[in-house]
Amino acid sequence: MTAWLKRGNTAVITGAAGGIGLEAARRFSAAGMNVVLADVNAEALEAAKTSFPNSGGVLTRVCDVSNPAAVSALSETASAEFGPVHCLMNNAGIARMGTKPWEDIDAFKSMLDINLMGVVHGCHAFIPSMLAHGEPGAIINTASKQGITRPPGNYAYNLSKAGVLAYTESVAHALRAEEDCQLAAHLLVPGFVYTPMISRFIPQKPPFATTAEETVDFMMDRLDSGDFYIICPDNETPRNLDEKRIQWTADDIIKNRPALSRWHPDFEAAYKKFVQD
């Protein structure tokens, strides 16, 4: 399922100056791919580039993914430098402290512009040319478990990642409808990963957090299996607990329970019993 992952092909990764994006770029580069690292942080990008043993196949570009013109320019630059793009990883994202859902509209818009619209801009800029060259390829969009179960505390982040989930499902379905399509879409759903985005708020890695390396290990294995939903474990949440949480969330609608009943005091005992059964 990863026929695109080979020497001479090209991968473009946004949010690639650190964390999951940088680790993914290293794996793609180790397989012989050319990699284009895009990020809004120019200084971090240059530091990231020095970590590649073969800088000849590595290109860095400052790119604000909330700006569609900047993402289109990134696509043109990647093609001019390395030729056809075979993997697009829309990974750029931000996190902020949560507010009440009716507060801080500017932060809300910024979160959506980067976390959700950055993914949309990437797909609009790259997919047409990736379809046109007709070779195997992949679109990998980074979501979050918070976009699936939507825990209280950061509604803007939850909404942005729920949007990535819905949008990527639509992309996958639309690609299946394309005649002789060689592209596949994948939704990367990390666990709690200790990345630079998180270390801004938590200076030391908690023992339950996983690393970017462990996350990309899991991603590469599931890409090879052709998974669409790549739901990554961490050191606190194994697969079976993720499944219970997802099922409970879906059942809120089916059973007409109160919104986010997992955190509702009237359902505390029922939820605990559900996850233990």
Protein backbone atom coordinates (compact mmCIF):
# COMPACT_ATOMS: atom_id res chain seq x y z
CA MET A 1 0.00 0.00 0.00
CA THR A 2 3.00 2.34 0.17
CA ALA A 3 4.19 2.06 -3.43
CA TRP A 4 4.80 5.81 -3.35
CA LEU A 5 7.40 5.44 -0.59
CA LYS A 6 10.52 4.95 -2.70
CA ARG A 7 13.74 6.56 -3.77
CA GLY A 8 13.38 9.56 -6.05
CA ASN A 9 9.78 10.32 -5.14
CA THR A 10 8.84 13.48 -3.26
CA ALA A 11 7.02 14.17 -0.01
CA VAL A 12 5.81 17.55 1.24
CA ILE A 13 5.17 17.93 4.97
CA THR A 14 3.72 20.99 6.68
CA GLY A 15 4.39 21.69 10.32
CA ALA A 16 7.70 19.95 9.67
CA ALA A 17 10.10 21.94 11.83
CA GLY A 18 9.56 19.62 14.80
CA GLY A 19 7.50 16.86 16.34
CA ILE A 20 5.54 14.43 14.21
CA GLY A 21 6.14 16.36 10.98
CA LEU A 22 9.91 16.36 11.34
CA GLU A 23 10.04 12.70 12.31
CA ALA A 24 7.87 11.75 9.32
CA ALA A 25 10.17 13.74 7.04
CA ARG A 26 13.16 11.84 8.41
CA ARG A 27 11.50 8.49 7.67
CA PHE A 28 10.58 9.52 4.14
CA SER A 29 14.11 10.81 3.57
CA ALA A 30 15.62 7.58 4.93
CA ALA A 31 13.61 5.71 2.28
CA GLY A 32 15.32 7.82 -0.39
CA MET A 33 12.54 10.32 -0.98
CA ASN A 34 13.09 14.00 -1.57
CA VAL A 35 11.40 15.92 1.23
CA VAL A 36 10.05 19.44 1.39
CA LEU A 37 9.76 20.72 4.95
CA ALA A 38 7.30 23.59 5.35
CA ASP A 39 6.70 25.53 8.54
CA VAL A 40 5.97 29.06 9.69
CA ASN A 41 9.08 29.06 11.92
CA ALA A 42 12.10 29.86 9.74
CA GLU A 43 14.68 29.40 12.50
CA ALA A 44 13.34 26.01 13.51
CA LEU A 45 13.25 24.92 9.87
CA GLU A 46 16.93 25.64 9.40
CA ALA A 47 17.78 23.75 12.56
CA ALA A 48 15.65 20.83 11.38
CA LYS A 49 17.43 20.68 8.02
CA THR A 50 20.80 20.12 9.70
CA SER A 51 19.48 16.86 11.19
CA PHE A 52 19.31 15.21 7.76
CA PRO A 53 22.46 13.33 6.71
CA ASN A 54 21.80 14.03 3.03
CA SER A 55 20.68 17.63 2.67
CA GLY A 56 20.72 17.36 -1.14
CA GLY A 57 17.21 15.92 -1.15
CA VAL A 58 15.85 18.25 1.51
CA LEU A 59 14.22 21.59 0.85
CA THR A 60 12.86 23.93 3.53
CA ARG A 61 10.26 26.62 2.91
CA VAL A 62 8.57 29.06 5.24
CA CYS A 63 4.84 28.70 4.68
CA ASP A 64 1.78 29.98 6.51
CA VAL A 65 -0.80 27.30 5.75
CA SER A 66 -3.66 29.65 6.62
CA ASN A 67 -2.78 31.57 3.44
CA PRO A 68 -3.97 29.67 0.34
CA ALA A 69 -1.63 31.62 -1.94
CA ALA A 70 1.34 30.58 0.19
CA VAL A 71 0.33 26.93 0.00
CA SER A 72 -0.11 27.14 -3.77
CA ALA A 73 3.37 28.65 -4.01
CA LEU A 74 4.68 25.76 -1.91
CA SER A 75 3.21 23.30 -4.41
CA GLU A 76 4.84 25.13 -7.33
CA THR A 77 8.20 25.26 -5.54
CA ALA A 78 8.14 21.55 -4.68
CA SER A 79 7.36 20.58 -8.27
CA ALA A 80 9.98 22.92 -9.71
CA GLU A 81 12.66 21.56 -7.37
CA PHE A 82 11.89 17.82 -7.34
CA GLY A 83 9.18 17.10 -9.89
CA PRO A 84 5.88 15.34 -9.11
CA VAL A 85 4.76 15.18 -5.49
CA HIS A 86 3.79 11.70 -4.26
CA CYS A 87 3.01 12.32 -0.59
CA LEU A 88 1.36 15.33 0.99
CA MET A 89 1.26 15.37 4.78
CA ASN A 90 -0.92 18.20 6.08
CA ASN A 91 0.42 18.27 9.61
CA ALA A 92 0.66 21.94 10.61
CA GLY A 93 -1.36 22.84 13.67
CA ILE A 94 -1.50 25.02 16.75
CA ALA A 95 -2.86 24.64 20.26
CA ARG A 96 -3.99 27.31 22.68
CA MET A 97 -5.44 27.29 26.14
CA GLY A 98 -9.18 26.74 26.04
CA THR A 99 -11.83 29.39 26.59
CA LYS A 100 -15.59 29.34 26.95
CA PRO A 101 -17.28 28.71 23.57
CA TRP A 102 -18.56 32.29 23.43
CA GLU A 103 -15.21 33.94 24.18
CA ASP A 104 -12.08 35.00 22.21
CA ILE A 105 -13.37 34.93 18.63
CA ASP A 106 -9.97 35.94 17.19
CA ALA A 107 -8.24 32.91 18.72
CA PHE A 108 -11.10 30.75 17.47
CA LYS A 109 -10.68 31.99 13.89
CA SER A 110 -6.91 31.51 14.04
CA MET A 111 -7.32 27.92 15.21
CA LEU A 112 -9.68 27.10 12.35
CA ASP A 113 -7.55 28.94 9.77
CA ILE A 114 -4.47 26.86 10.61
CA ASN A 115 -5.72 23.50 11.87
CA LEU A 116 -8.62 23.03 9.46
CA MET A 117 -8.21 25.43 6.55
CA GLY A 118 -4.49 24.64 6.37
CA VAL A 119 -5.47 21.05 5.52
CA VAL A 120 -8.06 22.24 3.00
CA HIS A 121 -5.58 24.61 1.37
CA GLY A 122 -3.02 21.82 1.10
CA CYS A 123 -5.45 19.46 -0.59
CA HIS A 124 -6.66 22.12 -3.01
CA ALA A 125 -3.10 23.09 -3.93
CA PHE A 126 -1.64 19.59 -4.35
CA ILE A 127 -4.29 16.99 -5.19
CA PRO A 128 -5.06 18.14 -8.77
CA SER A 129 -1.43 17.79 -9.86
CA MET A 130 -1.04 14.53 -7.91
CA LEU A 131 -4.04 13.13 -9.79
CA ALA A 132 -2.68 14.43 -13.07
CA HIS A 133 0.67 12.64 -12.88
CA GLY A 134 -1.17 9.35 -12.29
CA GLU A 135 1.42 7.71 -10.04
CA PRO A 136 0.77 6.15 -6.61
CA GLY A 137 0.53 8.71 -3.85
CA ALA A 138 -0.86 9.52 -0.43
CA ILE A 139 -2.57 12.35 1.38
CA ILE A 140 -2.00 12.19 5.14
CA ASN A 141 -3.97 14.67 7.26
CA THR A 142 -3.21 15.01 10.95
CA ALA A 143 -6.30 15.07 13.15
CA SER A 144 -6.67 14.41 16.88
CA LYS A 145 -8.63 12.18 19.24
CA GLN A 146 -10.10 15.43 20.54
CA GLY A 147 -11.81 15.82 17.20
CA ILE A 148 -13.57 12.48 17.72
CA THR A 149 -14.57 12.48 21.40
CA ARG A 150 -14.43 16.28 21.85
CA PRO A 151 -13.65 16.54 25.58
CA PRO A 152 -14.57 19.77 27.39
CA GLY A 153 -11.95 22.46 27.81
CA ASN A 154 -10.88 23.50 24.31
CA TYR A 155 -13.85 23.75 22.00
CA ALA A 156 -11.93 25.59 19.24
CA TYR A 157 -9.26 22.89 18.96
CA ASN A 158 -11.90 20.16 19.08
CA LEU A 159 -13.92 21.82 16.33
CA SER A 160 -10.88 22.32 14.11
CA LYS A 161 -9.87 18.66 14.39
CA ALA A 162 -13.44 17.40 13.99
CA GLY A 163 -13.43 19.36 10.75
CA VAL A 164 -10.24 17.62 9.64
CA LEU A 165 -11.92 14.27 10.32
CA ALA A 166 -15.02 15.12 8.26
CA TYR A 167 -13.05 16.74 5.46
CA THR A 168 -10.57 13.87 5.11
CA GLU A 169 -13.38 11.33 5.00
CA SER A 170 -14.83 13.32 2.09
CA VAL A 171 -11.46 13.42 0.35
CA ALA A 172 -11.06 9.65 0.68
CA HIS A 173 -14.52 9.03 -0.73
CA ALA A 174 -14.00 11.44 -3.63
CA LEU A 175 -10.66 9.87 -4.53
CA ARG A 176 -12.30 6.44 -4.71
CA ALA A 177 -14.69 7.86 -7.30
CA GLU A 178 -11.86 9.09 -9.55
CA GLU A 179 -11.21 6.79 -12.50
CA ASP A 180 -7.92 4.86 -12.23
CA CYS A 181 -7.00 6.88 -9.15
CA GLN A 182 -3.67 5.98 -7.56
CA LEU A 183 -4.06 8.30 -4.56
CA ALA A 184 -5.25 7.28 -1.10
CA ALA A 185 -6.18 9.52 1.82
CA HIS A 186 -5.29 8.71 5.43
CA LEU A 187 -6.32 10.28 8.73
CA LEU A 188 -3.54 10.32 11.30
CA VAL A 189 -5.02 10.47 14.81
CA PRO A 190 -2.17 10.79 17.31
CA GLY A 191 -2.42 9.95 20.98
CA PHE A 192 -0.97 12.31 23.57
CA VAL A 193 2.36 13.10 21.89
CA TYR A 194 5.03 15.22 23.54
CA THR A 195 5.92 17.66 20.79
CA PRO A 196 7.08 21.31 20.77
CA MET A 197 3.42 22.33 20.54
CA ILE A 198 2.77 20.60 23.88
CA SER A 199 6.07 21.50 25.58
CA ARG A 200 5.04 25.16 25.46
CA PHE A 201 2.46 24.32 28.11
CA ILE A 202 4.07 21.31 29.84
CA PRO A 203 7.85 21.79 30.25
CA GLN A 204 8.61 18.14 31.07
CA LYS A 205 7.36 15.05 29.24
CA PRO A 206 4.70 13.23 31.29
CA PRO A 207 5.25 9.47 31.58
CA PHE A 208 1.95 8.73 29.83
CA ALA A 209 2.87 10.77 26.75
CA THR A 210 4.28 9.08 23.69
CA THR A 211 7.02 10.42 21.45
CA ALA A 212 6.97 11.59 17.86
CA GLU A 213 9.18 8.64 16.97
CA GLU A 214 6.73 6.12 18.45
CA THR A 215 3.82 7.84 16.71
CA VAL A 216 5.51 7.74 13.32
CA ASP A 217 6.51 4.10 13.89
CA PHE A 218 2.82 3.30 14.27
CA MET A 219 1.84 5.51 11.33
CA MET A 220 4.28 3.84 8.96
CA ASP A 221 3.04 0.38 9.93
CA ARG A 222 -0.61 1.31 9.42
CA LEU A 223 0.10 3.10 6.13
CA ASP A 224 1.63 -0.13 4.90
CA SER A 225 -1.60 -1.91 5.88
CA GLY A 226 -3.70 0.65 4.01
CA ASP A 227 -5.59 1.99 7.03
CA PHE A 228 -7.63 5.14 6.64
CA TYR A 229 -8.16 5.77 10.37
CA ILE A 230 -4.71 5.61 11.96
CA ILE A 231 -5.63 5.87 15.64
CA CYS A 232 -2.38 5.86 17.57
CA PRO A 233 -2.00 4.54 21.12
CA ASP A 234 -0.04 6.30 23.83
CA ASN A 235 1.31 5.19 27.19
CA GLU A 236 -2.03 5.85 28.90
CA THR A 237 -4.67 4.95 26.32
CA PRO A 238 -4.53 1.53 24.62
CA ARG A 239 -6.65 0.70 21.59
CA ASN A 240 -9.47 -0.93 23.56
CA LEU A 241 -9.98 2.21 25.68
CA ASP A 242 -9.98 4.41 22.58
CA GLU A 243 -12.68 2.20 21.11
CA LYS A 244 -14.78 2.45 24.27
CA ARG A 245 -14.51 6.24 24.30
CA ILE A 246 -15.42 6.50 20.62
CA GLN A 247 -18.36 4.14 21.05
CA TRP A 248 -19.70 6.05 24.06
CA THR A 249 -19.48 9.32 22.12
CA ALA A 250 -21.40 7.88 19.17
CA ASP A 251 -24.01 6.44 21.52
CA ASP A 252 -24.75 9.91 22.89
CA ILE A 253 -26.58 10.58 19.61
CA ILE A 254 -28.10 7.12 19.21
CA LYS A 255 -29.39 7.01 22.80
CA ASN A 256 -30.25 10.72 22.96
CA ARG A 257 -28.15 11.33 26.04
CA PRO A 258 -27.07 14.83 27.13
CA ALA A 259 -24.24 16.37 25.14
CA LEU A 260 -20.82 15.08 26.21
CA SER A 261 -22.44 12.72 28.69
CA ARG A 262 -19.09 11.11 29.45
CA TRP A 263 -18.41 14.20 31.59
CA HIS A 264 -22.00 14.56 32.91
CA PRO A 265 -22.31 13.71 36.65
CA ASP A 266 -25.50 11.75 36.07
CA PHE A 267 -23.66 9.34 33.75
CA GLU A 268 -20.36 9.01 35.64
CA ALA A 269 -21.10 5.56 37.05
CA ALA A 270 -22.56 4.25 33.79
CA TYR A 271 -19.49 5.38 31.84
CA LYS A 272 -17.08 3.78 34.31
CA LYS A 273 -18.98 0.50 34.08
CA PHE A 274 -19.03 0.69 30.28
CA VAL A 275 -15.26 1.03 29.95
CA GLN A 276 -14.63 -1.73 32.49
CA ASP A 277 -16.92 -4.33 30.89
